[in-house]
């Protein structure tokens, strides 16, 4: 493998055979914070929306899953799983809104 030249921010150069580049994950939109959701501190390796285990944000009825959420670290597999979990949580929430007490709504007089 031929060596790579790397020009650093301070203007110096380095010769190396391999190069690892860390790409920080940043939100491309301020929408989550504009809606009031807590977002990880600027400058963190992953500036993500803070969520609970069901991908609910700090704002009622606002969910965030996949690369936008802080849990777990993003990958294709975890993003797909997070989307599935968030969808189940949303459906559960909607059913609870429509049928708050399904037992009380049933006619038990016979």
N, C-alpha and C. Protein backbone atom coordinates (compact mmCIF):
# COMPACT_ATOMS: atom_id res chain seq x y z
N UNK A 1 0.85 -1.18 0.00
CA UNK A 1 0.00 0.00 0.00
C UNK A 1 0.89 1.24 0.00
N UNK A 2 0.61 2.15 -0.88
CA UNK A 2 1.41 3.37 -0.92
C UNK A 2 0.99 4.32 0.19
N UNK A 3 1.94 5.09 0.74
CA UNK A 3 1.62 5.98 1.85
C UNK A 3 0.69 7.12 1.43
N UNK A 4 -0.05 7.59 2.39
CA UNK A 4 -0.96 8.72 2.18
C UNK A 4 -0.34 9.97 2.80
N UNK A 5 -0.55 11.10 2.16
CA UNK A 5 -0.14 12.37 2.74
C UNK A 5 -1.36 13.01 3.34
N UNK A 6 -1.20 13.56 4.50
CA UNK A 6 -2.32 14.21 5.18
C UNK A 6 -1.90 15.60 5.61
N UNK A 7 -2.60 16.60 5.14
CA UNK A 7 -2.36 17.98 5.54
C UNK A 7 -3.24 18.25 6.75
N UNK A 8 -2.63 18.61 7.86
CA UNK A 8 -3.36 18.84 9.09
C UNK A 8 -3.83 20.29 9.19
N UNK A 9 -4.75 20.52 10.11
CA UNK A 9 -5.34 21.85 10.28
C UNK A 9 -4.29 22.91 10.58
N UNK A 10 -3.20 22.53 11.27
CA UNK A 10 -2.16 23.52 11.61
C UNK A 10 -1.19 23.75 10.45
N UNK A 11 -1.43 23.12 9.31
CA UNK A 11 -0.59 23.31 8.13
C UNK A 11 0.52 22.29 7.99
N UNK A 12 0.75 21.48 9.01
CA UNK A 12 1.79 20.46 8.93
C UNK A 12 1.30 19.27 8.12
N UNK A 13 2.26 18.45 7.68
CA UNK A 13 1.93 17.27 6.90
C UNK A 13 2.42 16.02 7.61
N UNK A 14 1.70 14.92 7.41
CA UNK A 14 2.08 13.64 7.98
C UNK A 14 1.97 12.57 6.89
N UNK A 15 2.88 11.62 6.91
CA UNK A 15 2.82 10.48 6.01
C UNK A 15 2.29 9.30 6.84
N UNK A 16 1.32 8.60 6.29
CA UNK A 16 0.77 7.45 7.00
C UNK A 16 0.30 6.41 6.00
N UNK A 17 0.16 5.17 6.47
CA UNK A 17 -0.34 4.11 5.61
C UNK A 17 -1.84 3.93 5.76
N UNK A 18 -2.36 4.31 6.91
CA UNK A 18 -3.79 4.19 7.17
C UNK A 18 -4.27 5.48 7.82
N UNK A 19 -5.54 5.75 7.63
CA UNK A 19 -6.10 6.97 8.18
C UNK A 19 -7.50 6.67 8.70
N UNK A 20 -7.76 7.02 9.94
CA UNK A 20 -9.08 6.86 10.54
C UNK A 20 -9.67 8.25 10.72
N UNK A 21 -10.82 8.45 10.15
CA UNK A 21 -11.47 9.76 10.22
C UNK A 21 -12.72 9.60 11.08
N UNK A 22 -12.81 10.37 12.15
CA UNK A 22 -13.98 10.36 13.01
C UNK A 22 -14.97 11.39 12.46
N UNK A 23 -16.17 10.92 12.17
CA UNK A 23 -17.20 11.80 11.63
C UNK A 23 -18.24 12.03 12.71
N UNK A 24 -18.29 13.23 13.27
CA UNK A 24 -19.30 13.48 14.30
C UNK A 24 -20.70 13.48 13.70
N UNK A 25 -21.64 12.94 14.46
CA UNK A 25 -23.03 12.91 14.00
C UNK A 25 -23.70 14.18 14.50
N UNK A 26 -24.15 15.00 13.60
CA UNK A 26 -24.82 16.24 13.95
C UNK A 26 -26.19 16.29 13.30
N UNK A 27 -27.11 16.95 13.97
CA UNK A 27 -28.44 17.13 13.41
C UNK A 27 -28.35 18.07 12.21
N UNK A 28 -29.05 17.74 11.16
CA UNK A 28 -29.09 18.60 9.98
C UNK A 28 -30.19 19.64 10.07
N UNK A 29 -31.01 19.51 11.09
CA UNK A 29 -32.14 20.40 11.26
C UNK A 29 -32.30 20.72 12.74
N UNK A 30 -32.77 21.90 13.03
CA UNK A 30 -33.03 22.30 14.42
C UNK A 30 -34.47 22.00 14.82
N UNK A 31 -35.20 21.23 13.99
CA UNK A 31 -36.62 21.00 14.24
C UNK A 31 -36.88 20.40 15.62
N UNK A 32 -36.12 19.38 16.02
CA UNK A 32 -36.36 18.74 17.32
C UNK A 32 -36.23 19.74 18.46
N UNK A 33 -35.19 20.53 18.45
CA UNK A 33 -35.03 21.52 19.52
C UNK A 33 -36.06 22.64 19.41
N UNK A 34 -36.46 22.99 18.19
CA UNK A 34 -37.49 24.00 18.01
C UNK A 34 -38.83 23.52 18.56
N UNK A 35 -39.05 22.20 18.53
CA UNK A 35 -40.28 21.62 19.08
C UNK A 35 -40.18 21.43 20.60
N UNK A 36 -39.00 21.68 21.16
CA UNK A 36 -38.81 21.62 22.59
C UNK A 36 -38.14 20.36 23.10
N UNK A 37 -37.74 19.46 22.22
CA UNK A 37 -37.08 18.22 22.64
C UNK A 37 -35.67 18.51 23.13
N UNK A 38 -35.26 17.77 24.17
CA UNK A 38 -33.88 17.91 24.67
C UNK A 38 -32.94 17.26 23.66
N UNK A 39 -31.89 17.97 23.35
CA UNK A 39 -30.89 17.48 22.40
C UNK A 39 -29.56 17.43 23.14
N UNK A 40 -28.75 16.40 22.86
CA UNK A 40 -27.44 16.27 23.49
C UNK A 40 -26.63 17.54 23.24
N UNK A 41 -25.74 17.80 24.15
CA UNK A 41 -24.94 19.01 24.14
C UNK A 41 -24.17 19.18 22.83
N UNK A 42 -24.13 20.41 22.32
CA UNK A 42 -23.34 20.70 21.12
C UNK A 42 -21.88 20.37 21.41
N UNK A 43 -21.22 19.77 20.45
CA UNK A 43 -19.83 19.37 20.63
C UNK A 43 -19.66 17.93 21.07
N UNK A 44 -20.77 17.28 21.47
CA UNK A 44 -20.72 15.85 21.81
C UNK A 44 -20.43 15.07 20.53
N UNK A 45 -19.84 13.87 20.65
CA UNK A 45 -19.59 13.08 19.44
C UNK A 45 -20.87 12.82 18.65
N UNK A 46 -21.98 12.62 19.38
CA UNK A 46 -23.27 12.43 18.73
C UNK A 46 -24.23 13.46 19.29
N UNK A 47 -24.59 14.43 18.48
CA UNK A 47 -25.56 15.44 18.90
C UNK A 47 -26.94 14.91 18.54
N UNK A 48 -27.52 14.15 19.44
CA UNK A 48 -28.75 13.45 19.16
C UNK A 48 -29.87 13.90 20.09
N UNK A 49 -31.09 13.60 19.70
CA UNK A 49 -32.26 13.88 20.51
C UNK A 49 -32.30 12.85 21.64
N UNK A 50 -32.51 13.31 22.86
CA UNK A 50 -32.57 12.40 24.00
C UNK A 50 -33.94 11.72 24.03
N UNK A 51 -33.92 10.39 24.18
CA UNK A 51 -35.14 9.58 24.18
C UNK A 51 -35.09 8.57 25.32
N UNK A 52 -36.28 7.99 25.64
CA UNK A 52 -36.33 6.89 26.59
C UNK A 52 -36.30 5.57 25.82
N UNK A 53 -36.55 4.47 26.50
CA UNK A 53 -36.48 3.15 25.87
C UNK A 53 -37.51 2.91 24.79
N UNK A 54 -38.58 3.72 24.77
CA UNK A 54 -39.61 3.59 23.74
C UNK A 54 -39.48 4.71 22.70
N UNK A 55 -38.36 5.42 22.71
CA UNK A 55 -38.03 6.49 21.76
C UNK A 55 -38.94 7.71 21.89
N UNK A 56 -39.49 7.91 23.10
CA UNK A 56 -40.26 9.12 23.38
C UNK A 56 -39.28 10.21 23.75
N UNK A 57 -39.49 11.41 23.24
CA UNK A 57 -38.65 12.54 23.59
C UNK A 57 -39.20 13.21 24.84
N UNK A 58 -38.61 14.32 25.21
CA UNK A 58 -39.07 15.08 26.37
C UNK A 58 -40.36 15.84 26.07
N UNK A 59 -40.83 15.79 24.83
CA UNK A 59 -42.07 16.45 24.43
C UNK A 59 -43.14 15.37 24.23
N UNK A 60 -44.29 15.55 24.87
CA UNK A 60 -45.37 14.58 24.74
C UNK A 60 -45.75 14.38 23.28
N UNK A 61 -45.95 13.14 22.89
CA UNK A 61 -46.37 12.73 21.55
C UNK A 61 -45.33 13.00 20.46
N UNK A 62 -44.07 13.21 20.85
CA UNK A 62 -42.99 13.41 19.89
C UNK A 62 -41.98 12.28 20.09
N UNK A 63 -41.78 11.49 19.05
CA UNK A 63 -40.88 10.34 19.09
C UNK A 63 -39.70 10.60 18.17
N UNK A 64 -38.56 10.01 18.49
CA UNK A 64 -37.37 10.14 17.65
C UNK A 64 -36.65 8.80 17.65
N UNK A 65 -36.42 8.24 16.48
CA UNK A 65 -35.77 6.93 16.39
C UNK A 65 -34.70 6.95 15.32
N UNK A 66 -33.80 6.00 15.42
CA UNK A 66 -32.75 5.87 14.42
C UNK A 66 -31.58 6.79 14.70
N UNK A 67 -30.97 7.30 13.66
CA UNK A 67 -29.77 8.10 13.80
C UNK A 67 -29.99 9.39 14.57
N UNK A 68 -31.22 9.87 14.62
CA UNK A 68 -31.50 11.12 15.32
C UNK A 68 -31.52 10.94 16.83
N UNK A 69 -31.73 9.70 17.30
CA UNK A 69 -31.83 9.46 18.74
C UNK A 69 -30.48 9.06 19.33
N UNK A 70 -30.33 9.32 20.60
CA UNK A 70 -29.06 9.08 21.27
C UNK A 70 -28.85 7.63 21.69
N UNK A 71 -29.89 6.80 21.62
CA UNK A 71 -29.81 5.44 22.11
C UNK A 71 -30.32 4.47 21.07
N UNK A 72 -29.65 3.42 20.76
CA UNK A 72 -28.24 3.11 20.96
C UNK A 72 -27.40 3.79 19.89
N UNK A 73 -26.08 3.62 19.89
CA UNK A 73 -25.28 4.24 18.83
C UNK A 73 -25.76 3.80 17.44
N UNK A 74 -25.76 4.70 16.49
CA UNK A 74 -26.38 4.40 15.19
C UNK A 74 -25.63 3.36 14.36
N UNK A 75 -26.41 2.49 13.76
CA UNK A 75 -25.96 1.54 12.75
C UNK A 75 -27.21 1.19 11.96
N UNK A 76 -27.06 0.52 10.86
CA UNK A 76 -28.24 0.17 10.06
C UNK A 76 -29.18 -0.70 10.89
N UNK A 77 -28.65 -1.71 11.55
CA UNK A 77 -29.49 -2.63 12.32
C UNK A 77 -30.20 -1.92 13.47
N UNK A 78 -29.48 -1.10 14.23
CA UNK A 78 -30.11 -0.43 15.37
C UNK A 78 -31.11 0.63 14.91
N UNK A 79 -30.87 1.24 13.77
CA UNK A 79 -31.80 2.23 13.24
C UNK A 79 -33.12 1.56 12.85
N UNK A 80 -33.03 0.40 12.19
CA UNK A 80 -34.24 -0.33 11.82
C UNK A 80 -34.99 -0.78 13.07
N UNK A 81 -34.27 -1.32 14.04
CA UNK A 81 -34.90 -1.77 15.29
C UNK A 81 -35.53 -0.61 16.04
N UNK A 82 -34.85 0.53 16.07
CA UNK A 82 -35.40 1.71 16.76
C UNK A 82 -36.68 2.18 16.09
N UNK A 83 -36.71 2.19 14.79
CA UNK A 83 -37.92 2.58 14.07
C UNK A 83 -39.08 1.65 14.37
N UNK A 84 -38.80 0.35 14.45
CA UNK A 84 -39.84 -0.62 14.77
C UNK A 84 -40.35 -0.43 16.19
N UNK A 85 -39.46 -0.22 17.14
CA UNK A 85 -39.85 0.00 18.53
C UNK A 85 -40.66 1.28 18.67
N UNK A 86 -40.21 2.34 18.02
CA UNK A 86 -40.95 3.61 18.08
C UNK A 86 -42.34 3.46 17.47
N UNK A 87 -42.44 2.73 16.37
CA UNK A 87 -43.75 2.53 15.74
C UNK A 87 -44.69 1.78 16.68
N UNK A 88 -44.19 0.75 17.36
CA UNK A 88 -45.02 0.02 18.33
C UNK A 88 -45.46 0.94 19.47
N UNK A 89 -44.56 1.79 19.94
CA UNK A 89 -44.90 2.71 21.03
C UNK A 89 -45.96 3.72 20.57
N UNK A 90 -45.86 4.18 19.34
CA UNK A 90 -46.84 5.14 18.81
C UNK A 90 -48.20 4.47 18.69
N UNK A 91 -48.25 3.26 18.14
CA UNK A 91 -49.52 2.54 18.01
C UNK A 91 -50.13 2.31 19.40
N UNK A 92 -49.33 1.90 20.35
CA UNK A 92 -49.82 1.68 21.71
C UNK A 92 -50.41 2.97 22.28
N UNK A 93 -49.70 4.08 22.09
CA UNK A 93 -50.17 5.38 22.58
C UNK A 93 -51.50 5.76 21.92
N UNK A 94 -51.61 5.57 20.62
CA UNK A 94 -52.84 5.91 19.91
C UNK A 94 -54.02 5.04 20.36
N UNK A 95 -53.77 3.75 20.58
CA UNK A 95 -54.83 2.85 21.05
C UNK A 95 -55.29 3.28 22.44
N UNK A 96 -54.35 3.64 23.30
CA UNK A 96 -54.72 4.12 24.64
C UNK A 96 -55.56 5.39 24.58
N UNK A 97 -55.25 6.27 23.62
CA UNK A 97 -56.05 7.49 23.47
C UNK A 97 -57.46 7.18 23.00
N UNK A 98 -57.59 6.24 22.07
CA UNK A 98 -58.91 5.89 21.53
C UNK A 98 -59.73 5.06 22.51
N UNK A 99 -59.07 4.17 23.24
CA UNK A 99 -59.75 3.25 24.15
C UNK A 99 -59.08 3.32 25.52
N UNK A 100 -59.31 4.39 26.28
CA UNK A 100 -58.61 4.56 27.54
C UNK A 100 -58.89 3.47 28.56
N UNK A 101 -60.09 2.92 28.57
CA UNK A 101 -60.43 1.84 29.52
C UNK A 101 -61.32 0.84 28.80
N UNK A 102 -60.73 -0.07 28.01
CA UNK A 102 -61.55 -0.97 27.19
C UNK A 102 -62.47 -1.86 28.01
N UNK A 103 -62.11 -2.22 29.22
CA UNK A 103 -62.95 -3.09 30.05
C UNK A 103 -64.23 -2.35 30.45
N UNK A 104 -64.11 -1.07 30.79
CA UNK A 104 -65.29 -0.28 31.21
C UNK A 104 -66.26 -0.08 30.05
N UNK A 105 -65.78 -0.12 28.82
CA UNK A 105 -66.63 0.10 27.66
C UNK A 105 -67.43 -1.15 27.27
N UNK A 106 -67.10 -2.32 27.81
CA UNK A 106 -67.79 -3.55 27.43
C UNK A 106 -69.10 -3.68 28.20
N UNK A 107 -70.08 -4.23 27.53
CA UNK A 107 -71.39 -4.49 28.16
C UNK A 107 -71.29 -5.83 28.88
N UNK A 108 -71.31 -5.79 30.19
CA UNK A 108 -71.18 -7.02 30.98
C UNK A 108 -72.52 -7.48 31.58
N UNK A 109 -73.63 -6.89 31.08
CA UNK A 109 -74.95 -7.25 31.64
C UNK A 109 -75.47 -8.56 31.06
N UNK A 110 -74.85 -9.04 30.02
CA UNK A 110 -75.20 -10.31 29.60
C UNK A 110 -75.98 -10.59 28.44
